[in-house]
């Protein structure tokens, strides 16, 4: 699927944001196998990179609603998942963290609960009770604040095909601990 950009103030910067997100997806998410389901949709070009110019929570929620409807109106074989990248809104992780309750409420209010799941990714992602520099946090750290829209049916199929899907979280933490901060930094040198 071709990259689709929302109106963005600086088209060159927008293209760079999309490119950086794709590199992160290839090197970290797929390369480190943090999500064993990502490679298939990536290879089939079923990932939409939606770049948002939203600056407020309300603007971002409106774009999220639009992207959820786009998923509904598009066959999974054409579009399976969307990365809604929003580098101008919710840049502070604490604000983002509290904003996720509004995201879940919107998903429910639109009648999409059980149809779509929205995963959270952020450059400052921090699991509850962890230190900011804990390498485990990097399993959910993306180059820019991002909402990952997933079809529940696709998750169900992927989980059925993946032995011991419940162990993914623990395995990811082990991967990051083995990689360490130096290894994470090396991913971005190429």
N, C-alpha and C. Protein backbone atom coordinates (compact mmCIF):
# COMPACT_ATOMS: atom_id res chain seq x y z
N UNK A 1 0.85 -1.17 0.00
CA UNK A 1 0.00 0.00 0.00
C UNK A 1 0.90 1.23 0.00
N UNK A 2 0.63 2.18 -0.83
CA UNK A 2 1.47 3.38 -0.86
C UNK A 2 1.33 4.17 0.44
N UNK A 3 2.36 4.92 0.73
CA UNK A 3 2.30 5.79 1.90
C UNK A 3 1.25 6.86 1.63
N UNK A 4 0.47 7.14 2.64
CA UNK A 4 -0.54 8.18 2.52
C UNK A 4 -0.29 9.20 3.61
N UNK A 5 -0.05 10.43 3.22
CA UNK A 5 0.22 11.48 4.19
C UNK A 5 -1.00 12.36 4.37
N UNK A 6 -1.31 12.67 5.59
CA UNK A 6 -2.30 13.69 5.88
C UNK A 6 -1.63 15.02 5.57
N UNK A 7 -2.38 16.07 5.37
CA UNK A 7 -1.74 17.37 5.16
C UNK A 7 -0.75 17.64 6.30
N UNK A 8 0.46 17.93 5.96
CA UNK A 8 1.50 18.15 6.95
C UNK A 8 2.18 19.47 6.64
N UNK A 9 2.51 20.27 7.65
CA UNK A 9 3.03 21.61 7.41
C UNK A 9 4.28 21.64 6.53
N UNK A 10 5.15 20.66 6.67
CA UNK A 10 6.39 20.62 5.91
C UNK A 10 6.47 19.25 5.22
N UNK A 11 6.17 19.19 3.91
CA UNK A 11 6.15 17.89 3.22
C UNK A 11 7.47 17.12 3.32
N UNK A 12 8.60 17.81 3.27
CA UNK A 12 9.89 17.12 3.37
C UNK A 12 10.05 16.49 4.76
N UNK A 13 9.68 17.23 5.78
CA UNK A 13 9.74 16.69 7.15
C UNK A 13 8.77 15.52 7.29
N UNK A 14 7.60 15.63 6.68
CA UNK A 14 6.63 14.54 6.72
C UNK A 14 7.17 13.27 6.08
N UNK A 15 7.83 13.41 4.94
CA UNK A 15 8.41 12.24 4.27
C UNK A 15 9.50 11.61 5.14
N UNK A 16 10.26 12.45 5.83
CA UNK A 16 11.31 11.94 6.72
C UNK A 16 10.72 11.19 7.91
N UNK A 17 9.62 11.70 8.45
CA UNK A 17 8.95 11.04 9.56
C UNK A 17 8.45 9.66 9.15
N UNK A 18 7.84 9.59 7.97
CA UNK A 18 7.38 8.28 7.46
C UNK A 18 8.57 7.34 7.26
N UNK A 19 9.64 7.84 6.66
CA UNK A 19 10.83 7.00 6.41
C UNK A 19 11.42 6.50 7.73
N UNK A 20 11.53 7.37 8.72
CA UNK A 20 12.07 6.95 10.03
C UNK A 20 11.18 5.91 10.69
N UNK A 21 9.89 6.04 10.53
CA UNK A 21 8.96 5.06 11.09
C UNK A 21 9.12 3.72 10.39
N UNK A 22 9.28 3.74 9.08
CA UNK A 22 9.49 2.49 8.34
C UNK A 22 10.80 1.82 8.75
N UNK A 23 11.84 2.60 8.93
CA UNK A 23 13.13 2.04 9.36
C UNK A 23 12.98 1.40 10.74
N UNK A 24 12.29 2.10 11.65
CA UNK A 24 12.06 1.55 12.99
C UNK A 24 11.26 0.24 12.89
N UNK A 25 10.24 0.22 12.05
CA UNK A 25 9.43 -0.99 11.88
C UNK A 25 10.29 -2.14 11.37
N UNK A 26 11.12 -1.86 10.38
CA UNK A 26 11.97 -2.90 9.81
C UNK A 26 13.06 -3.38 10.76
N UNK A 27 13.77 -2.45 11.38
CA UNK A 27 14.93 -2.82 12.20
C UNK A 27 14.57 -3.28 13.60
N UNK A 28 13.63 -2.61 14.23
CA UNK A 28 13.29 -2.95 15.62
C UNK A 28 12.15 -3.95 15.69
N UNK A 29 10.98 -3.56 15.20
CA UNK A 29 9.80 -4.40 15.36
C UNK A 29 9.96 -5.73 14.63
N UNK A 30 10.36 -5.67 13.36
CA UNK A 30 10.53 -6.90 12.57
C UNK A 30 11.91 -7.49 12.79
N UNK A 31 12.93 -6.66 12.73
CA UNK A 31 14.31 -7.14 12.85
C UNK A 31 14.61 -7.84 14.17
N UNK A 32 14.07 -7.31 15.25
CA UNK A 32 14.25 -7.93 16.57
C UNK A 32 13.12 -8.90 16.90
N UNK A 33 12.16 -9.03 15.98
CA UNK A 33 11.01 -9.90 16.15
C UNK A 33 10.20 -9.54 17.40
N UNK A 34 10.08 -8.23 17.66
CA UNK A 34 9.29 -7.79 18.82
C UNK A 34 7.81 -8.09 18.62
N UNK A 35 7.39 -8.09 17.35
CA UNK A 35 6.02 -8.49 17.03
C UNK A 35 6.10 -9.52 15.92
N UNK A 36 5.94 -10.80 16.24
CA UNK A 36 6.09 -11.84 15.22
C UNK A 36 5.02 -11.77 14.13
N UNK A 37 4.00 -10.93 14.31
CA UNK A 37 2.92 -10.82 13.33
C UNK A 37 3.17 -9.70 12.33
N UNK A 38 4.14 -8.83 12.60
CA UNK A 38 4.34 -7.62 11.79
C UNK A 38 4.93 -7.92 10.41
N UNK A 39 5.79 -8.89 10.31
CA UNK A 39 6.49 -9.12 9.04
C UNK A 39 5.52 -9.44 7.92
N UNK A 40 4.54 -10.25 8.18
CA UNK A 40 3.59 -10.67 7.14
C UNK A 40 2.86 -9.47 6.53
N UNK A 41 2.30 -8.59 7.36
CA UNK A 41 1.56 -7.45 6.81
C UNK A 41 2.50 -6.44 6.17
N UNK A 42 3.71 -6.35 6.67
CA UNK A 42 4.70 -5.46 6.08
C UNK A 42 5.09 -5.93 4.68
N UNK A 43 5.39 -7.21 4.56
CA UNK A 43 5.79 -7.78 3.26
C UNK A 43 4.65 -7.66 2.25
N UNK A 44 3.43 -7.85 2.71
CA UNK A 44 2.26 -7.77 1.82
C UNK A 44 1.83 -6.33 1.55
N UNK A 45 2.55 -5.37 2.13
CA UNK A 45 2.23 -3.94 1.97
C UNK A 45 0.80 -3.61 2.42
N UNK A 46 0.43 -4.17 3.58
CA UNK A 46 -0.89 -3.94 4.14
C UNK A 46 -0.86 -2.99 5.34
N UNK A 47 0.25 -2.24 5.46
CA UNK A 47 0.41 -1.28 6.55
C UNK A 47 0.20 0.12 5.99
N UNK A 48 -0.63 0.89 6.64
CA UNK A 48 -0.83 2.29 6.25
C UNK A 48 -0.07 3.16 7.23
N UNK A 49 0.71 4.08 6.70
CA UNK A 49 1.43 5.07 7.50
C UNK A 49 0.67 6.38 7.38
N UNK A 50 -0.14 6.70 8.37
CA UNK A 50 -0.96 7.90 8.33
C UNK A 50 -0.28 8.95 9.21
N UNK A 51 0.20 9.99 8.58
CA UNK A 51 0.91 11.04 9.30
C UNK A 51 -0.06 12.16 9.63
N UNK A 52 -0.18 12.44 10.90
CA UNK A 52 -1.12 13.45 11.37
C UNK A 52 -0.42 14.77 11.66
N UNK A 53 -1.08 15.85 11.27
CA UNK A 53 -0.61 17.19 11.62
C UNK A 53 -1.37 17.73 12.83
N UNK A 54 -2.14 16.87 13.47
CA UNK A 54 -2.92 17.28 14.65
C UNK A 54 -1.99 17.85 15.72
N UNK A 55 -2.48 18.88 16.38
CA UNK A 55 -1.72 19.49 17.47
C UNK A 55 -2.45 19.36 18.81
N UNK A 56 -3.73 19.02 18.76
CA UNK A 56 -4.52 18.91 20.00
C UNK A 56 -5.11 17.51 20.10
N UNK A 57 -5.54 17.18 21.30
CA UNK A 57 -6.18 15.88 21.53
C UNK A 57 -7.43 15.74 20.68
N UNK A 58 -8.23 16.79 20.60
CA UNK A 58 -9.47 16.71 19.82
C UNK A 58 -9.19 16.49 18.34
N UNK A 59 -8.20 17.18 17.80
CA UNK A 59 -7.83 16.98 16.38
C UNK A 59 -7.36 15.56 16.15
N UNK A 60 -6.56 15.06 17.08
CA UNK A 60 -6.04 13.69 16.94
C UNK A 60 -7.17 12.66 17.05
N UNK A 61 -8.11 12.87 17.95
CA UNK A 61 -9.25 11.95 18.07
C UNK A 61 -10.07 11.94 16.78
N UNK A 62 -10.24 13.10 16.15
CA UNK A 62 -10.99 13.16 14.89
C UNK A 62 -10.26 12.37 13.80
N UNK A 63 -8.95 12.47 13.76
CA UNK A 63 -8.19 11.70 12.77
C UNK A 63 -8.20 10.22 13.09
N UNK A 64 -8.16 9.89 14.37
CA UNK A 64 -8.27 8.48 14.76
C UNK A 64 -9.60 7.91 14.30
N UNK A 65 -10.68 8.64 14.51
CA UNK A 65 -12.00 8.18 14.07
C UNK A 65 -12.00 7.96 12.56
N UNK A 66 -11.41 8.87 11.83
CA UNK A 66 -11.33 8.76 10.37
C UNK A 66 -10.56 7.50 9.96
N UNK A 67 -9.45 7.24 10.64
CA UNK A 67 -8.63 6.06 10.31
C UNK A 67 -9.35 4.76 10.68
N UNK A 68 -10.09 4.76 11.76
CA UNK A 68 -10.88 3.57 12.12
C UNK A 68 -11.95 3.29 11.06
N UNK A 69 -12.60 4.34 10.59
CA UNK A 69 -13.60 4.17 9.53
C UNK A 69 -12.94 3.71 8.23
N UNK A 70 -11.74 4.20 7.95
CA UNK A 70 -11.01 3.77 6.74
C UNK A 70 -10.74 2.26 6.82
N UNK A 71 -10.32 1.78 8.00
CA UNK A 71 -10.10 0.34 8.16
C UNK A 71 -11.39 -0.43 7.92
N UNK A 72 -12.50 0.09 8.43
CA UNK A 72 -13.79 -0.55 8.26
C UNK A 72 -14.19 -0.62 6.79
N UNK A 73 -13.87 0.41 6.04
CA UNK A 73 -14.28 0.51 4.64
C UNK A 73 -13.31 -0.15 3.67
N UNK A 74 -12.21 -0.72 4.18
CA UNK A 74 -11.18 -1.30 3.33
C UNK A 74 -11.00 -2.77 3.68
N UNK A 75 -10.93 -3.60 2.67
CA UNK A 75 -10.73 -5.04 2.89
C UNK A 75 -9.39 -5.30 3.58
N UNK A 76 -9.35 -6.24 4.53
CA UNK A 76 -8.09 -6.54 5.22
C UNK A 76 -6.96 -6.94 4.27
N UNK A 77 -7.29 -7.57 3.15
CA UNK A 77 -6.24 -7.97 2.20
C UNK A 77 -5.55 -6.75 1.58
N UNK A 78 -6.24 -5.62 1.59
CA UNK A 78 -5.67 -4.39 1.06
C UNK A 78 -5.03 -3.54 2.17
N UNK A 79 -5.69 -3.48 3.31
CA UNK A 79 -5.21 -2.68 4.45
C UNK A 79 -5.52 -3.44 5.73
N UNK A 80 -4.47 -3.92 6.38
CA UNK A 80 -4.69 -4.72 7.58
C UNK A 80 -4.48 -3.92 8.86
N UNK A 81 -3.57 -2.96 8.82
CA UNK A 81 -3.22 -2.24 10.04
C UNK A 81 -2.77 -0.83 9.69
N UNK A 82 -2.93 0.08 10.63
CA UNK A 82 -2.56 1.47 10.42
C UNK A 82 -1.68 1.96 11.56
N UNK A 83 -0.63 2.67 11.19
CA UNK A 83 0.18 3.39 12.16
C UNK A 83 -0.19 4.86 12.02
N UNK A 84 -0.89 5.40 13.01
CA UNK A 84 -1.27 6.81 13.01
C UNK A 84 -0.18 7.55 13.78
N UNK A 85 0.70 8.17 13.03
CA UNK A 85 1.88 8.84 13.57
C UNK A 85 1.51 10.30 13.83
N UNK A 86 1.72 10.76 15.05
CA UNK A 86 1.30 12.12 15.41
C UNK A 86 2.42 12.86 16.15
N UNK A 87 3.41 13.34 15.41
CA UNK A 87 4.58 13.96 16.04
C UNK A 87 4.34 15.32 16.67
N UNK A 88 3.20 15.95 16.40
CA UNK A 88 2.93 17.29 16.92
C UNK A 88 1.95 17.28 18.09
N UNK A 89 1.37 16.16 18.38
CA UNK A 89 0.38 16.04 19.47
C UNK A 89 0.78 14.92 20.42
N UNK A 90 0.52 15.14 21.68
CA UNK A 90 0.79 14.15 22.72
C UNK A 90 2.27 13.76 22.77
N UNK A 91 3.13 14.77 22.70
CA UNK A 91 4.57 14.51 22.71
C UNK A 91 5.09 14.19 24.11
N UNK A 92 4.40 14.67 25.14
CA UNK A 92 4.76 14.35 26.51
C UNK A 92 4.13 13.00 26.86
N UNK A 93 4.95 12.07 27.35
CA UNK A 93 4.43 10.73 27.58
C UNK A 93 3.31 10.68 28.62
N UNK A 94 3.41 11.47 29.67
CA UNK A 94 2.35 11.45 30.69
C UNK A 94 1.02 11.91 30.09
N UNK A 95 1.05 12.98 29.29
CA UNK A 95 -0.17 13.42 28.60
C UNK A 95 -0.69 12.32 27.70
N UNK A 96 0.22 11.68 26.96
CA UNK A 96 -0.14 10.60 26.05
C UNK A 96 -0.78 9.45 26.82
N UNK A 97 -0.16 9.10 27.93
CA UNK A 97 -0.67 7.99 28.75
C UNK A 97 -2.12 8.23 29.17
N UNK A 98 -2.42 9.44 29.63
CA UNK A 98 -3.80 9.74 30.05
C UNK A 98 -4.73 9.87 28.85
N UNK A 99 -4.20 10.30 27.72
CA UNK A 99 -4.98 10.42 26.49
C UNK A 99 -5.49 9.05 26.01
N UNK A 100 -4.77 8.00 26.33
CA UNK A 100 -5.16 6.66 25.87
C UNK A 100 -6.54 6.25 26.38
N UNK A 101 -6.97 6.78 27.51
CA UNK A 101 -8.34 6.50 28.00
C UNK A 101 -9.35 7.09 27.02
N UNK A 102 -9.06 8.26 26.47
CA UNK A 102 -9.94 8.88 25.48
C UNK A 102 -9.94 8.07 24.18
N UNK A 103 -8.81 7.52 23.83
CA UNK A 103 -8.70 6.68 22.65
C UNK A 103 -9.59 5.45 22.79
N UNK A 104 -9.49 4.80 23.95
CA UNK A 104 -10.32 3.61 24.19
C UNK A 104 -11.80 3.96 24.21
N UNK A 105 -12.14 5.10 24.80
CA UNK A 105 -13.55 5.53 24.84
C UNK A 105 -14.06 5.80 23.43
N UNK A 106 -13.26 6.42 22.59
CA UNK A 106 -13.67 6.68 21.21
C UNK A 106 -13.90 5.37 20.47
N UNK A 107 -13.00 4.42 20.63
CA UNK A 107 -13.13 3.11 19.98
C UNK A 107 -14.46 2.46 20.39
N UNK A 108 -14.79 2.52 21.68
CA UNK A 108 -16.05 1.96 22.19
C UNK A 108 -17.25 2.73 21.66
N UNK A 109 -17.19 4.06 21.73
CA UNK A 109 -18.32 4.89 21.32
C UNK A 109 -18.63 4.76 19.83
N UNK A 110 -17.63 4.45 19.04
CA UNK A 110 -17.86 4.24 17.60
C UNK A 110 -18.37 2.83 17.31
N UNK A 111 -18.45 2.00 18.34
CA UNK A 111 -18.94 0.63 18.17
C UNK A 111 -17.87 -0.33 17.68
N UNK A 112 -16.61 0.04 17.87
CA UNK A 112 -15.50 -0.77 17.35
C UNK A 112 -14.81 -1.61 18.43
N UNK A 113 -15.33 -1.60 19.65
CA UNK A 113 -14.75 -2.43 20.71
C UNK A 113 -14.90 -3.89 20.30
N UNK A 114 -13.82 -4.64 20.35
CA UNK A 114 -13.84 -6.03 19.91
C UNK A 114 -13.58 -6.18 18.43
N UNK A 115 -13.58 -5.09 17.70
CA UNK A 115 -13.27 -5.12 16.26
C UNK A 115 -11.86 -4.61 16.02
N UNK A 116 -11.52 -3.52 16.74
CA UNK A 116 -10.18 -2.94 16.63
C UNK A 116 -9.55 -2.84 18.01
N UNK A 117 -8.25 -2.98 18.02
CA UNK A 117 -7.45 -2.77 19.21
C UNK A 117 -6.46 -1.67 18.87
N UNK A 118 -6.22 -0.78 19.80
CA UNK A 118 -5.30 0.33 19.54
C UNK A 118 -4.13 0.21 20.50
N UNK A 119 -2.97 -0.05 19.94
CA UNK A 119 -1.75 -0.18 20.73
C UNK A 119 -1.04 1.16 20.80
N UNK A 120 -0.33 1.37 21.89
CA UNK A 120 0.33 2.66 22.11
C UNK A 120 1.85 2.52 21.99
N UNK A 121 2.42 3.47 21.25
CA UNK A 121 3.87 3.53 21.04
C UNK A 121 4.28 4.99 21.22
N UNK A 122 5.44 5.20 21.82
CA UNK A 122 5.86 6.57 22.11
C UNK A 122 7.38 6.58 22.32
N UNK A 123 8.06 7.66 21.91
CA UNK A 123 9.51 7.72 22.11
C UNK A 123 9.94 7.75 23.57
N UNK A 124 9.03 8.10 24.48
CA UNK A 124 9.34 8.14 25.91
C UNK A 124 8.59 7.05 26.67
N UNK A 125 8.12 6.01 25.97
CA UNK A 125 7.29 4.99 26.59
C UNK A 125 7.95 4.47 27.86
N UNK A 126 7.13 4.31 28.89
CA UNK A 126 7.64 3.84 30.16
C UNK A 126 6.59 2.96 30.82
N UNK A 127 6.95 1.70 31.07
CA UNK A 127 6.04 0.80 31.77
C UNK A 127 5.91 1.24 33.22
N UNK A 128 4.75 1.04 33.80
CA UNK A 128 4.52 1.40 35.19
C UNK A 128 5.55 0.71 36.08
N UNK A 129 6.13 1.47 36.98
CA UNK A 129 7.09 0.91 37.93
C UNK A 129 8.50 0.76 37.39
N UNK A 130 8.73 1.16 36.14
CA UNK A 130 10.09 1.02 35.58
C UNK A 130 10.80 2.37 35.60
N UNK A 131 12.10 2.31 35.56
CA UNK A 131 12.90 3.54 35.46
C UNK A 131 12.86 4.01 34.02
N UNK A 132 12.96 5.32 33.79
CA UNK A 132 12.89 5.84 32.41
C UNK A 132 13.90 5.20 31.46
N UNK A 133 15.09 4.85 31.94
CA UNK A 133 16.10 4.28 31.06
C UNK A 133 16.10 2.76 31.03
N UNK A 134 15.09 2.12 31.64
CA UNK A 134 14.99 0.66 31.62
C UNK A 134 14.86 0.20 30.17
N UNK A 135 15.73 -0.68 29.75
CA UNK A 135 15.76 -1.13 28.35
C UNK A 135 14.45 -1.83 27.95
N UNK A 136 13.71 -2.37 28.91
CA UNK A 136 12.43 -3.02 28.60
C UNK A 136 11.44 -2.03 27.99
N UNK A 137 11.54 -0.77 28.36
CA UNK A 137 10.64 0.25 27.82
C UNK A 137 10.78 0.38 26.30
N UNK A 138 11.93 0.02 25.77
CA UNK A 138 12.20 0.21 24.35
C UNK A 138 11.39 -0.74 23.47
N UNK A 139 10.75 -1.74 24.06
CA UNK A 139 9.87 -2.60 23.27
C UNK A 139 8.69 -1.80 22.71
N UNK A 140 8.33 -0.71 23.37
CA UNK A 140 7.20 0.12 22.95
C UNK A 140 7.62 1.54 22.57
N UNK A 141 8.91 1.73 22.35
CA UNK A 141 9.40 3.06 21.96
C UNK A 141 9.51 3.15 20.45
N UNK A 142 8.78 4.11 19.92
CA UNK A 142 8.79 4.39 18.49
C UNK A 142 9.45 5.76 18.28
N UNK A 143 9.83 6.08 17.06
CA UNK A 143 10.49 7.37 16.83
C UNK A 143 9.60 8.57 17.14
N UNK A 144 8.28 8.41 17.00
CA UNK A 144 7.31 9.49 17.21
C UNK A 144 6.10 8.90 17.92
N UNK A 145 5.33 9.71 18.63
CA UNK A 145 4.10 9.19 19.21
C UNK A 145 3.23 8.56 18.11
N UNK A 146 2.76 7.35 18.37
CA UNK A 146 2.05 6.60 17.34
C UNK A 146 0.95 5.76 17.98
N UNK A 147 -0.20 5.75 17.34
CA UNK A 147 -1.29 4.85 17.70
C UNK A 147 -1.34 3.77 16.63
N UNK A 148 -1.26 2.53 17.06
CA UNK A 148 -1.26 1.40 16.13
C UNK A 148 -2.64 0.77 16.13
N UNK A 149 -3.35 0.89 15.02
CA UNK A 149 -4.70 0.37 14.88
C UNK A 149 -4.63 -1.03 14.30
N UNK A 150 -5.12 -1.99 15.05
CA UNK A 150 -5.06 -3.39 14.66
C UNK A 150 -6.46 -3.98 14.58
N UNK A 151 -6.67 -4.84 13.61
CA UNK A 151 -7.93 -5.59 13.51
C UNK A 151 -7.88 -6.76 14.50
N UNK A 152 -8.89 -6.88 15.35
CA UNK A 152 -8.94 -7.99 16.30
C UNK A 152 -8.91 -9.34 15.58
N UNK A 153 -9.59 -9.43 14.43
CA UNK A 153 -9.62 -10.70 13.69
C UNK A 153 -8.22 -11.08 13.21
N UNK A 154 -7.41 -10.11 12.84
CA UNK A 154 -6.04 -10.39 12.42
C UNK A 154 -5.19 -10.85 13.60
N UNK A 155 -5.42 -10.21 14.74
CA UNK A 155 -4.70 -10.62 15.96
C UNK A 155 -5.07 -12.06 16.31
N UNK A 156 -6.35 -12.39 16.24
CA UNK A 156 -6.79 -13.75 16.56
C UNK A 156 -6.14 -14.78 15.64
N UNK A 157 -6.10 -14.49 14.33
CA UNK A 157 -5.46 -15.42 13.39
C UNK A 157 -3.97 -15.55 13.68
N UNK A 158 -3.31 -14.45 13.96
CA UNK A 158 -1.88 -14.48 14.22
C UNK A 158 -1.57 -15.25 15.50
N UNK A 159 -2.37 -15.02 16.54
CA UNK A 159 -2.16 -15.71 17.81
C UNK A 159 -2.37 -17.21 17.64
N UNK A 160 -3.37 -17.59 16.84
CA UNK A 160 -3.63 -19.02 16.61
C UNK A 160 -2.46 -19.68 15.89
N UNK A 161 -1.77 -18.92 15.05
CA UNK A 161 -0.66 -19.47 14.27
C UNK A 161 0.67 -19.42 15.01
N UNK A 162 0.72 -18.67 16.10
CA UNK A 162 1.98 -18.48 16.82
C UNK A 162 1.97 -19.30 18.10
N UNK A 163 2.88 -20.24 18.22
CA UNK A 163 2.91 -21.05 19.44
C UNK A 163 3.29 -20.19 20.65
N UNK A 164 2.53 -20.32 21.69
CA UNK A 164 2.79 -19.65 22.97
C UNK A 164 2.85 -18.13 22.83
N UNK A 165 1.80 -17.55 22.25
CA UNK A 165 1.74 -16.10 22.05
C UNK A 165 1.81 -15.34 23.38
N UNK A 166 1.40 -15.97 24.45
CA UNK A 166 1.43 -15.32 25.76
C UNK A 166 2.85 -15.00 26.21
N UNK A 167 3.84 -15.66 25.65
CA UNK A 167 5.23 -15.45 26.05
C UNK A 167 5.91 -14.31 25.29
N UNK A 168 5.21 -13.68 24.35
CA UNK A 168 5.84 -12.64 23.52
C UNK A 168 6.38 -11.51 24.39
N UNK A 169 5.61 -11.03 25.34
CA UNK A 169 6.04 -9.91 26.18
C UNK A 169 7.33 -10.25 26.92
N UNK A 170 7.37 -11.41 27.56
CA UNK A 170 8.57 -11.81 28.30
C UNK A 170 9.76 -12.00 27.37
N UNK A 171 9.52 -12.59 26.22
CA UNK A 171 10.59 -12.80 25.25
C UNK A 171 11.14 -11.47 24.75
N UNK A 172 10.25 -10.49 24.53
CA UNK A 172 10.70 -9.17 24.08
C UNK A 172 11.60 -8.49 25.11
N UNK A 173 11.24 -8.62 26.37
CA UNK A 173 12.06 -8.02 27.43
C UNK A 173 13.42 -8.70 27.46
N UNK A 174 13.43 -10.01 27.30
CA UNK A 174 14.71 -10.74 27.27
C UNK A 174 15.54 -10.30 26.07
N UNK A 175 14.90 -10.13 24.92
CA UNK A 175 15.60 -9.66 23.72
C UNK A 175 16.24 -8.30 23.98
N UNK A 176 15.48 -7.39 24.58
CA UNK A 176 16.00 -6.04 24.84
C UNK A 176 17.12 -6.08 25.88
N UNK A 177 16.98 -6.91 26.89
CA UNK A 177 18.04 -7.00 27.90
C UNK A 177 19.32 -7.56 27.29
N UNK A 178 19.19 -8.54 26.39
CA UNK A 178 20.37 -9.08 25.71
C UNK A 178 20.99 -8.05 24.77
N UNK A 179 20.16 -7.25 24.14
CA UNK A 179 20.63 -6.22 23.21
C UNK A 179 21.31 -5.08 23.97
N UNK A 180 20.68 -4.63 25.03
CA UNK A 180 21.21 -3.53 25.83
C UNK A 180 21.12 -2.19 25.10
N UNK A 181 21.46 -1.14 25.82
CA UNK A 181 21.39 0.21 25.25
C UNK A 181 22.37 0.38 24.09
N UNK A 182 23.56 -0.19 24.21
CA UNK A 182 24.55 -0.06 23.14
C UNK A 182 24.07 -0.76 21.87
N UNK A 183 23.48 -1.93 22.02
CA UNK A 183 22.95 -2.65 20.86
C UNK A 183 21.79 -1.91 20.21
N UNK A 184 20.93 -1.29 21.05
CA UNK A 184 19.81 -0.50 20.52
C UNK A 184 20.34 0.65 19.68
N UNK A 185 21.35 1.34 20.19
CA UNK A 185 21.94 2.48 19.46
C UNK A 185 22.56 2.03 18.14
N UNK A 186 23.16 0.85 18.11
CA UNK A 186 23.77 0.34 16.87
C UNK A 186 22.75 0.09 15.77
N UNK A 187 21.50 -0.19 16.16
CA UNK A 187 20.45 -0.43 15.15
C UNK A 187 20.28 0.78 14.24
N UNK A 188 20.58 1.95 14.73
CA UNK A 188 20.28 3.19 14.01
C UNK A 188 21.50 3.79 13.33
N UNK A 189 22.65 3.10 13.39
CA UNK A 189 23.86 3.65 12.79
C UNK A 189 23.94 3.45 11.29
N UNK A 190 23.26 2.43 10.77
CA UNK A 190 23.34 2.14 9.33
C UNK A 190 22.65 3.21 8.52
